Amino acid sequence: MLKKYLCILCVVSVTGIKVVFENFVQESGYEYGTFDIRVRKFNRTVTSLNGSVFLHQWIDNSIVFSLDLFHSRLGNQQFNHYPMKLPSSGTCDFLDNLQSTYGEYLGPLKNIPAIGECPFSPRTIDVIDYVFPSEPVPKVMPRGLWKALLTGKINEEEIVSYYVLVKGYDDF
């Protein structure tokens, strides 16, 4: 019995986790940009983001974004604040870091600002069949439903807010 348990434990720890999108919701900040993004079934096991982000104004580093993570172990939307601290950063710095670190996963995003382009002009950013990449996800990430709340502030006043729900499960 112990050998069987250890074998299953090894398989689970090696295979990692699969993450799929559940929902995308913009809560505020429509005067700065409109996130017309929806989650759709790509096939029987994968979901993808599709839509457009319409930026209505020039955007610079004065909008400081922060990320809060919430976890629902059972997937029933009873979230607990996850005690992970990620640094806040300006919009341009965030996009530059995202492109330099995870650039190979941003192919489905069309018309995003180039690295070093700050401020950037009003534009439409198209999101075409963007599937959540499993490679950068840590193998020890807890399974369940995750809510990533992104909040943009200018002078400590919230001006834009949106969240993404993703589900993590074992991929056998």
N, C-alpha and C. Protein backbone atom coordinates (compact mmCIF):
# COMPACT_ATOMS: atom_id res chain seq x y z
N MET A 1 0.82 -1.18 0.00
CA MET A 1 0.00 0.00 0.00
C MET A 1 0.87 1.26 0.00
N LEU A 2 1.93 1.24 0.81
CA LEU A 2 2.82 2.39 0.89
C LEU A 2 3.51 2.64 -0.45
N LYS A 3 3.93 1.57 -1.13
CA LYS A 3 4.58 1.71 -2.43
C LYS A 3 3.64 2.34 -3.45
N LYS A 4 2.39 1.90 -3.42
CA LYS A 4 1.39 2.45 -4.36
C LYS A 4 1.19 3.95 -4.10
N TYR A 5 1.08 4.34 -2.84
CA TYR A 5 0.91 5.75 -2.47
C TYR A 5 2.10 6.58 -2.93
N LEU A 6 3.32 6.10 -2.69
CA LEU A 6 4.52 6.83 -3.09
C LEU A 6 4.61 6.96 -4.61
N CYS A 7 4.22 5.92 -5.34
CA CYS A 7 4.23 5.97 -6.80
C CYS A 7 3.26 7.04 -7.31
N ILE A 8 2.05 7.09 -6.75
CA ILE A 8 1.07 8.11 -7.15
C ILE A 8 1.58 9.49 -6.80
N LEU A 9 2.18 9.66 -5.64
CA LEU A 9 2.72 10.95 -5.23
C LEU A 9 3.82 11.42 -6.18
N CYS A 10 4.67 10.52 -6.62
CA CYS A 10 5.74 10.88 -7.56
C CYS A 10 5.16 11.30 -8.90
N VAL A 11 4.14 10.61 -9.39
CA VAL A 11 3.52 10.95 -10.67
C VAL A 11 2.90 12.33 -10.60
N VAL A 12 2.18 12.63 -9.50
CA VAL A 12 1.54 13.94 -9.35
C VAL A 12 2.57 15.05 -9.28
N SER A 13 3.66 14.84 -8.56
CA SER A 13 4.65 15.90 -8.41
C SER A 13 5.46 16.14 -9.68
N VAL A 14 5.60 15.15 -10.54
CA VAL A 14 6.38 15.30 -11.76
C VAL A 14 5.55 15.91 -12.89
N THR A 15 4.28 15.54 -12.96
CA THR A 15 3.46 15.98 -14.09
C THR A 15 3.11 17.45 -14.02
N GLY A 16 3.06 18.03 -12.84
CA GLY A 16 2.78 19.44 -12.74
C GLY A 16 1.30 19.74 -12.75
N ILE A 17 1.00 20.96 -13.16
CA ILE A 17 -0.35 21.46 -13.07
C ILE A 17 -0.76 22.06 -14.41
N LYS A 18 -2.02 21.93 -14.72
CA LYS A 18 -2.58 22.55 -15.92
C LYS A 18 -3.46 23.70 -15.47
N VAL A 19 -3.35 24.84 -16.14
CA VAL A 19 -4.11 26.02 -15.77
C VAL A 19 -4.96 26.44 -16.95
N VAL A 20 -6.26 26.70 -16.70
CA VAL A 20 -7.17 27.16 -17.74
C VAL A 20 -7.91 28.41 -17.25
N PHE A 21 -8.25 29.27 -18.19
CA PHE A 21 -9.01 30.47 -17.87
C PHE A 21 -10.45 30.12 -17.53
N GLU A 22 -11.02 30.82 -16.56
CA GLU A 22 -12.42 30.66 -16.20
C GLU A 22 -13.23 31.92 -16.53
N ASN A 23 -12.66 33.10 -16.24
CA ASN A 23 -13.41 34.34 -16.43
C ASN A 23 -12.46 35.53 -16.45
N PHE A 24 -12.91 36.60 -17.09
CA PHE A 24 -12.17 37.87 -17.12
C PHE A 24 -13.19 38.97 -16.94
N VAL A 25 -13.01 39.84 -15.93
CA VAL A 25 -13.99 40.88 -15.62
C VAL A 25 -13.28 42.20 -15.36
N GLN A 26 -13.70 43.25 -16.06
CA GLN A 26 -13.23 44.60 -15.77
C GLN A 26 -14.23 45.24 -14.81
N GLU A 27 -13.72 45.77 -13.69
CA GLU A 27 -14.59 46.35 -12.68
C GLU A 27 -14.67 47.87 -12.76
N SER A 28 -13.60 48.52 -13.18
CA SER A 28 -13.60 49.98 -13.26
C SER A 28 -12.52 50.44 -14.23
N GLY A 29 -12.52 51.72 -14.54
CA GLY A 29 -11.50 52.30 -15.39
C GLY A 29 -11.86 52.36 -16.86
N TYR A 30 -13.14 52.43 -17.16
CA TYR A 30 -13.57 52.44 -18.55
C TYR A 30 -13.16 53.71 -19.29
N GLU A 31 -12.87 54.79 -18.57
CA GLU A 31 -12.42 56.01 -19.24
C GLU A 31 -10.98 55.89 -19.74
N TYR A 32 -10.19 54.99 -19.17
CA TYR A 32 -8.82 54.77 -19.61
C TYR A 32 -8.74 53.68 -20.68
N GLY A 33 -9.52 52.65 -20.51
CA GLY A 33 -9.49 51.55 -21.47
C GLY A 33 -10.66 50.62 -21.25
N THR A 34 -11.05 49.96 -22.31
CA THR A 34 -12.13 48.98 -22.23
C THR A 34 -11.56 47.61 -22.57
N PHE A 35 -11.72 46.69 -21.64
CA PHE A 35 -11.25 45.31 -21.83
C PHE A 35 -12.43 44.48 -22.31
N ASP A 36 -12.56 44.35 -23.60
CA ASP A 36 -13.64 43.57 -24.20
C ASP A 36 -13.10 42.17 -24.49
N ILE A 37 -12.87 41.43 -23.40
CA ILE A 37 -12.22 40.12 -23.48
C ILE A 37 -13.16 39.09 -22.86
N ARG A 38 -13.27 37.96 -23.52
CA ARG A 38 -14.09 36.89 -22.98
C ARG A 38 -13.31 35.58 -23.02
N VAL A 39 -13.75 34.65 -22.21
CA VAL A 39 -13.17 33.32 -22.17
C VAL A 39 -14.07 32.41 -22.99
N ARG A 40 -13.47 31.65 -23.90
CA ARG A 40 -14.26 30.71 -24.69
C ARG A 40 -13.60 29.34 -24.67
N LYS A 41 -14.41 28.33 -24.88
CA LYS A 41 -13.89 26.97 -24.99
C LYS A 41 -13.13 26.84 -26.29
N PHE A 42 -11.86 26.44 -26.20
CA PHE A 42 -11.04 26.25 -27.39
C PHE A 42 -11.24 24.84 -27.93
N ASN A 43 -11.25 23.90 -27.03
CA ASN A 43 -11.62 22.52 -27.35
C ASN A 43 -12.19 21.92 -26.07
N ARG A 44 -12.25 20.62 -25.97
CA ARG A 44 -12.91 20.01 -24.81
C ARG A 44 -12.17 20.24 -23.49
N THR A 45 -10.87 20.48 -23.55
CA THR A 45 -10.10 20.59 -22.32
C THR A 45 -9.41 21.93 -22.13
N VAL A 46 -9.49 22.81 -23.10
CA VAL A 46 -8.74 24.07 -23.04
C VAL A 46 -9.67 25.25 -23.28
N THR A 47 -9.44 26.32 -22.51
CA THR A 47 -10.14 27.57 -22.75
C THR A 47 -9.11 28.62 -23.20
N SER A 48 -9.59 29.65 -23.86
CA SER A 48 -8.69 30.70 -24.33
C SER A 48 -9.35 32.06 -24.16
N LEU A 49 -8.50 33.08 -24.10
CA LEU A 49 -8.99 34.47 -24.06
C LEU A 49 -9.09 34.98 -25.48
N ASN A 50 -10.17 35.69 -25.77
CA ASN A 50 -10.38 36.31 -27.07
C ASN A 50 -11.01 37.67 -26.87
N GLY A 51 -10.63 38.61 -27.71
CA GLY A 51 -11.23 39.94 -27.65
C GLY A 51 -10.21 41.01 -27.91
N SER A 52 -10.52 42.21 -27.41
CA SER A 52 -9.66 43.37 -27.64
C SER A 52 -9.61 44.24 -26.41
N VAL A 53 -8.49 44.94 -26.28
CA VAL A 53 -8.33 45.97 -25.26
C VAL A 53 -8.26 47.29 -26.01
N PHE A 54 -9.20 48.17 -25.73
CA PHE A 54 -9.25 49.48 -26.38
C PHE A 54 -8.72 50.52 -25.40
N LEU A 55 -7.53 51.06 -25.67
CA LEU A 55 -6.95 52.10 -24.82
C LEU A 55 -7.42 53.45 -25.36
N HIS A 56 -8.07 54.25 -24.51
CA HIS A 56 -8.67 55.50 -24.94
C HIS A 56 -7.77 56.71 -24.73
N GLN A 57 -6.73 56.58 -23.91
CA GLN A 57 -5.87 57.71 -23.57
C GLN A 57 -4.40 57.30 -23.69
N TRP A 58 -3.54 58.31 -23.69
CA TRP A 58 -2.11 58.04 -23.60
C TRP A 58 -1.84 57.47 -22.22
N ILE A 59 -1.03 56.42 -22.17
CA ILE A 59 -0.71 55.74 -20.91
C ILE A 59 0.78 55.90 -20.64
N ASP A 60 1.10 56.29 -19.40
CA ASP A 60 2.51 56.40 -19.01
C ASP A 60 2.73 55.64 -17.70
N ASN A 61 3.86 55.86 -17.08
CA ASN A 61 4.24 55.13 -15.87
C ASN A 61 3.55 55.64 -14.61
N SER A 62 2.71 56.68 -14.72
CA SER A 62 2.08 57.23 -13.53
C SER A 62 0.99 56.31 -12.97
N ILE A 63 0.46 55.40 -13.79
CA ILE A 63 -0.50 54.42 -13.29
C ILE A 63 0.29 53.25 -12.72
N VAL A 64 0.19 53.07 -11.42
CA VAL A 64 0.94 52.02 -10.72
C VAL A 64 0.02 50.84 -10.47
N PHE A 65 0.40 49.67 -11.00
CA PHE A 65 -0.41 48.47 -10.85
C PHE A 65 0.11 47.59 -9.72
N SER A 66 -0.84 47.00 -9.00
CA SER A 66 -0.52 46.02 -7.97
C SER A 66 -1.37 44.77 -8.23
N LEU A 67 -0.88 43.64 -7.76
CA LEU A 67 -1.54 42.36 -7.98
C LEU A 67 -1.81 41.70 -6.64
N ASP A 68 -3.05 41.30 -6.44
CA ASP A 68 -3.43 40.52 -5.26
C ASP A 68 -3.95 39.18 -5.74
N LEU A 69 -3.50 38.11 -5.10
CA LEU A 69 -3.93 36.77 -5.46
C LEU A 69 -4.83 36.20 -4.37
N PHE A 70 -5.88 35.51 -4.82
CA PHE A 70 -6.82 34.87 -3.93
C PHE A 70 -6.97 33.42 -4.39
N HIS A 71 -7.12 32.51 -3.42
CA HIS A 71 -7.16 31.08 -3.74
C HIS A 71 -8.40 30.45 -3.11
N SER A 72 -9.09 29.64 -3.89
CA SER A 72 -10.21 28.84 -3.42
C SER A 72 -9.84 27.38 -3.63
N ARG A 73 -9.49 26.70 -2.57
CA ARG A 73 -8.99 25.33 -2.66
C ARG A 73 -10.02 24.38 -3.26
N LEU A 74 -11.29 24.57 -2.90
CA LEU A 74 -12.34 23.68 -3.39
C LEU A 74 -12.94 24.15 -4.72
N GLY A 75 -12.56 25.33 -5.18
CA GLY A 75 -13.10 25.84 -6.43
C GLY A 75 -14.52 26.36 -6.32
N ASN A 76 -14.96 26.68 -5.11
CA ASN A 76 -16.33 27.13 -4.89
C ASN A 76 -16.44 28.65 -4.69
N GLN A 77 -15.44 29.37 -5.09
CA GLN A 77 -15.36 30.83 -5.03
C GLN A 77 -15.42 31.38 -3.61
N GLN A 78 -15.02 30.59 -2.64
CA GLN A 78 -14.80 31.08 -1.28
C GLN A 78 -13.30 31.33 -1.16
N PHE A 79 -12.90 32.55 -1.53
CA PHE A 79 -11.49 32.87 -1.69
C PHE A 79 -10.85 33.30 -0.38
N ASN A 80 -9.60 32.90 -0.24
CA ASN A 80 -8.73 33.39 0.83
C ASN A 80 -7.61 34.17 0.18
N HIS A 81 -7.26 35.30 0.78
CA HIS A 81 -6.16 36.10 0.26
C HIS A 81 -4.88 35.29 0.37
N TYR A 82 -4.18 35.13 -0.75
CA TYR A 82 -2.96 34.33 -0.77
C TYR A 82 -1.79 35.23 -0.34
N PRO A 83 -0.99 34.81 0.62
CA PRO A 83 0.05 35.68 1.18
C PRO A 83 1.30 35.77 0.31
N MET A 84 1.14 36.18 -0.92
CA MET A 84 2.28 36.35 -1.81
C MET A 84 2.43 37.84 -2.09
N LYS A 85 3.60 38.35 -1.90
CA LYS A 85 3.87 39.76 -2.13
C LYS A 85 4.61 39.93 -3.45
N LEU A 86 4.00 40.66 -4.36
CA LEU A 86 4.64 41.00 -5.62
C LEU A 86 4.77 42.52 -5.67
N PRO A 87 5.88 43.03 -6.17
CA PRO A 87 6.07 44.49 -6.16
C PRO A 87 5.13 45.19 -7.13
N SER A 88 4.70 46.38 -6.74
CA SER A 88 3.90 47.24 -7.62
C SER A 88 4.85 47.91 -8.60
N SER A 89 4.32 48.25 -9.78
CA SER A 89 5.15 48.94 -10.76
C SER A 89 4.27 49.76 -11.69
N GLY A 90 4.91 50.72 -12.34
CA GLY A 90 4.22 51.55 -13.32
C GLY A 90 3.85 50.71 -14.54
N THR A 91 2.89 51.21 -15.31
CA THR A 91 2.39 50.46 -16.46
C THR A 91 3.50 50.13 -17.46
N CYS A 92 4.31 51.12 -17.82
CA CYS A 92 5.37 50.88 -18.81
C CYS A 92 6.41 49.89 -18.28
N ASP A 93 6.81 50.06 -17.01
CA ASP A 93 7.77 49.13 -16.42
C ASP A 93 7.21 47.71 -16.37
N PHE A 94 5.93 47.60 -16.04
CA PHE A 94 5.29 46.28 -15.99
C PHE A 94 5.30 45.62 -17.36
N LEU A 95 4.90 46.35 -18.40
CA LEU A 95 4.88 45.79 -19.75
C LEU A 95 6.27 45.44 -20.25
N ASP A 96 7.27 46.28 -19.95
CA ASP A 96 8.64 45.99 -20.35
C ASP A 96 9.14 44.71 -19.69
N ASN A 97 8.89 44.56 -18.37
CA ASN A 97 9.32 43.37 -17.64
C ASN A 97 8.58 42.13 -18.15
N LEU A 98 7.28 42.26 -18.43
CA LEU A 98 6.51 41.15 -18.95
C LEU A 98 7.06 40.66 -20.28
N GLN A 99 7.38 41.60 -21.18
CA GLN A 99 7.89 41.22 -22.50
C GLN A 99 9.30 40.65 -22.44
N SER A 100 10.15 41.20 -21.57
CA SER A 100 11.51 40.69 -21.50
C SER A 100 11.58 39.33 -20.79
N THR A 101 10.68 39.07 -19.85
CA THR A 101 10.70 37.81 -19.10
C THR A 101 9.87 36.71 -19.78
N TYR A 102 8.68 37.06 -20.26
CA TYR A 102 7.75 36.07 -20.80
C TYR A 102 7.38 36.36 -22.26
N GLY A 103 8.27 36.96 -23.01
CA GLY A 103 8.00 37.35 -24.38
C GLY A 103 7.57 36.22 -25.29
N GLU A 104 8.11 35.01 -25.07
CA GLU A 104 7.76 33.89 -25.95
C GLU A 104 6.31 33.44 -25.78
N TYR A 105 5.65 33.85 -24.68
CA TYR A 105 4.27 33.47 -24.44
C TYR A 105 3.27 34.54 -24.89
N LEU A 106 3.75 35.65 -25.43
CA LEU A 106 2.88 36.77 -25.78
C LEU A 106 2.56 36.84 -27.27
N GLY A 107 2.79 35.78 -28.02
CA GLY A 107 2.52 35.77 -29.45
C GLY A 107 1.09 36.10 -29.83
N PRO A 108 0.08 35.60 -29.10
CA PRO A 108 -1.30 35.89 -29.47
C PRO A 108 -1.75 37.33 -29.20
N LEU A 109 -0.90 38.14 -28.57
CA LEU A 109 -1.24 39.54 -28.32
C LEU A 109 -0.70 40.39 -29.46
N LYS A 110 -1.58 41.08 -30.15
CA LYS A 110 -1.19 41.89 -31.32
C LYS A 110 -1.28 43.36 -30.98
N ASN A 111 -0.25 44.12 -31.37
CA ASN A 111 -0.20 45.58 -31.23
C ASN A 111 0.09 46.03 -29.80
N ILE A 112 0.84 45.23 -29.02
CA ILE A 112 1.23 45.69 -27.69
C ILE A 112 2.39 46.67 -27.83
N PRO A 113 2.54 47.59 -26.88
CA PRO A 113 3.64 48.55 -26.96
C PRO A 113 5.00 47.85 -26.94
N ALA A 114 5.93 48.39 -27.70
CA ALA A 114 7.28 47.83 -27.76
C ALA A 114 8.02 48.11 -26.45
N ILE A 115 9.05 47.34 -26.20
CA ILE A 115 9.87 47.57 -25.00
C ILE A 115 10.50 48.95 -25.10
N GLY A 116 10.36 49.74 -24.04
CA GLY A 116 10.90 51.09 -24.00
C GLY A 116 9.95 52.15 -24.54
N GLU A 117 8.84 51.78 -25.12
CA GLU A 117 7.87 52.75 -25.63
C GLU A 117 7.04 53.26 -24.46
N CYS A 118 7.31 54.48 -24.03
CA CYS A 118 6.60 55.06 -22.91
C CYS A 118 6.65 56.58 -23.01
N PRO A 119 5.58 57.27 -22.98
CA PRO A 119 4.20 56.80 -22.93
C PRO A 119 3.80 56.18 -24.26
N PHE A 120 2.72 55.39 -24.23
CA PHE A 120 2.25 54.82 -25.48
C PHE A 120 0.86 55.34 -25.81
N SER A 121 0.60 55.37 -27.10
CA SER A 121 -0.58 56.03 -27.64
C SER A 121 -1.84 55.17 -27.48
N PRO A 122 -3.01 55.81 -27.62
CA PRO A 122 -4.25 55.04 -27.65
C PRO A 122 -4.20 54.03 -28.79
N ARG A 123 -4.69 52.85 -28.55
CA ARG A 123 -4.60 51.78 -29.54
C ARG A 123 -5.57 50.67 -29.19
N THR A 124 -5.65 49.73 -30.10
CA THR A 124 -6.41 48.50 -29.88
C THR A 124 -5.43 47.35 -29.83
N ILE A 125 -5.46 46.61 -28.74
CA ILE A 125 -4.62 45.43 -28.57
C ILE A 125 -5.53 44.21 -28.71
N ASP A 126 -5.25 43.40 -29.71
CA ASP A 126 -6.08 42.22 -29.97
C ASP A 126 -5.51 41.00 -29.25
N VAL A 127 -6.40 40.24 -28.64
CA VAL A 127 -6.05 39.00 -27.96
C VAL A 127 -6.73 37.89 -28.73
N ILE A 128 -5.94 37.03 -29.37
CA ILE A 128 -6.49 36.01 -30.26
C ILE A 128 -6.11 34.62 -29.75
N ASP A 129 -7.10 33.89 -29.28
CA ASP A 129 -6.91 32.51 -28.82
C ASP A 129 -5.71 32.36 -27.89
N TYR A 130 -5.68 33.17 -26.82
CA TYR A 130 -4.58 33.12 -25.88
C TYR A 130 -4.85 32.04 -24.83
N VAL A 131 -4.11 30.95 -24.90
CA VAL A 131 -4.21 29.84 -23.97
C VAL A 131 -3.20 30.06 -22.85
N PHE A 132 -3.60 29.82 -21.61
CA PHE A 132 -2.70 30.02 -20.48
C PHE A 132 -1.50 29.09 -20.61
N PRO A 133 -0.28 29.64 -20.62
CA PRO A 133 0.90 28.78 -20.76
C PRO A 133 1.19 28.02 -19.46
N SER A 134 1.41 26.73 -19.57
CA SER A 134 1.68 25.90 -18.39
C SER A 134 3.14 25.89 -18.00
N GLU A 135 4.04 26.22 -18.92
CA GLU A 135 5.47 26.12 -18.65
C GLU A 135 5.94 27.00 -17.50
N PRO A 136 5.52 28.28 -17.40
CA PRO A 136 6.04 29.09 -16.30
C PRO A 136 5.37 28.85 -14.95
N VAL A 137 4.34 28.01 -14.90
CA VAL A 137 3.62 27.76 -13.65
C VAL A 137 4.43 26.80 -12.79
N PRO A 138 4.70 27.15 -11.53
CA PRO A 138 5.46 26.25 -10.66
C PRO A 138 4.71 24.94 -10.44
N LYS A 139 5.45 23.85 -10.40
CA LYS A 139 4.85 22.53 -10.21
C LYS A 139 4.21 22.38 -8.83
N VAL A 140 4.60 23.20 -7.88
CA VAL A 140 4.07 23.09 -6.53
C VAL A 140 2.91 24.06 -6.28
N MET A 141 2.41 24.70 -7.33
CA MET A 141 1.28 25.62 -7.17
C MET A 141 0.06 24.86 -6.67
N PRO A 142 -0.61 25.35 -5.62
CA PRO A 142 -1.80 24.66 -5.12
C PRO A 142 -2.91 24.60 -6.17
N ARG A 143 -3.59 23.46 -6.21
CA ARG A 143 -4.69 23.28 -7.14
C ARG A 143 -5.91 24.04 -6.65
N GLY A 144 -6.85 24.32 -7.54
CA GLY A 144 -8.07 25.01 -7.16
C GLY A 144 -8.31 26.21 -8.04
N LEU A 145 -9.19 27.07 -7.60
CA LEU A 145 -9.56 28.28 -8.33
C LEU A 145 -8.74 29.46 -7.83
N TRP A 146 -8.20 30.23 -8.76
CA TRP A 146 -7.37 31.39 -8.42
C TRP A 146 -7.99 32.65 -8.99
N LYS A 147 -7.93 33.71 -8.21
CA LYS A 147 -8.41 35.02 -8.65
C LYS A 147 -7.23 35.98 -8.57
N ALA A 148 -6.87 36.56 -9.72
CA ALA A 148 -5.79 37.55 -9.77
C ALA A 148 -6.44 38.91 -9.97
N LEU A 149 -6.38 39.75 -8.95
CA LEU A 149 -6.98 41.08 -8.98
C LEU A 149 -5.89 42.11 -9.27
N LEU A 150 -6.01 42.79 -10.41
CA LEU A 150 -5.06 43.84 -10.78
C LEU A 150 -5.72 45.19 -10.57
N THR A 151 -5.02 46.05 -9.84
CA THR A 151 -5.55 47.37 -9.51
C THR A 151 -4.55 48.42 -9.94
N GLY A 152 -5.01 49.41 -10.71
CA GLY A 152 -4.18 50.53 -11.14
C GLY A 152 -4.54 51.77 -10.36
N LYS A 153 -3.53 52.46 -9.83
CA LYS A 153 -3.76 53.65 -9.01
C LYS A 153 -2.89 54.80 -9.48
N ILE A 154 -3.43 56.01 -9.35
CA ILE A 154 -2.66 57.24 -9.53
C ILE A 154 -2.79 58.00 -8.22
N ASN A 155 -1.66 58.31 -7.59
CA ASN A 155 -1.64 59.00 -6.30
C ASN A 155 -2.54 58.29 -5.27
N GLU A 156 -2.40 56.98 -5.19
CA GLU A 156 -3.13 56.14 -4.23
C GLU A 156 -4.65 56.13 -4.45
N GLU A 157 -5.13 56.66 -5.56
CA GLU A 157 -6.56 56.60 -5.89
C GLU A 157 -6.76 55.56 -6.99
N GLU A 158 -7.63 54.60 -6.72
CA GLU A 158 -7.88 53.54 -7.69
C GLU A 158 -8.61 54.09 -8.91
N ILE A 159 -8.03 53.81 -10.10
CA ILE A 159 -8.65 54.29 -11.34
C ILE A 159 -9.05 53.17 -12.28
N VAL A 160 -8.41 52.01 -12.15
CA VAL A 160 -8.75 50.87 -13.00
C VAL A 160 -8.59 49.59 -12.19
N SER A 161 -9.51 48.64 -12.42
CA SER A 161 -9.46 47.38 -11.70
C SER A 161 -10.07 46.30 -12.58
N TYR A 162 -9.41 45.15 -12.61
CA TYR A 162 -9.96 43.99 -13.30
C TYR A 162 -9.39 42.74 -12.66
N TYR A 163 -10.08 41.63 -12.90
CA TYR A 163 -9.58 40.37 -12.36
C TYR A 163 -9.73 39.25 -13.37
N VAL A 164 -8.89 38.24 -13.18
CA VAL A 164 -8.87 37.05 -14.01
C VAL A 164 -9.05 35.85 -13.09
N LEU A 165 -9.98 34.97 -13.43
CA LEU A 165 -10.14 33.71 -12.72
C LEU A 165 -9.52 32.59 -13.53
N VAL A 166 -8.67 31.81 -12.91
CA VAL A 166 -8.09 30.63 -13.56
C VAL A 166 -8.26 29.43 -12.64
N LYS A 167 -8.30 28.26 -13.25
CA LYS A 167 -8.42 27.03 -12.48
C LYS A 167 -7.18 26.18 -12.73
N GLY A 168 -6.58 25.73 -11.65
CA GLY A 168 -5.41 24.84 -11.73
C GLY A 168 -5.78 23.45 -11.29
N TYR A 169 -5.40 22.48 -12.10
CA TYR A 169 -5.68 21.09 -11.76
C TYR A 169 -4.56 20.21 -12.27
N ASP A 170 -4.52 18.98 -11.76
CA ASP A 170 -3.48 18.03 -12.17
C ASP A 170 -3.72 17.60 -13.60
N ASP A 171 -2.65 17.58 -14.39
CA ASP A 171 -2.71 17.18 -15.79
C ASP A 171 -2.07 15.81 -15.94
N PHE A 172 -2.90 14.77 -15.96
CA PHE A 172 -2.38 13.41 -16.09
C PHE A 172 -2.38 12.97 -17.50
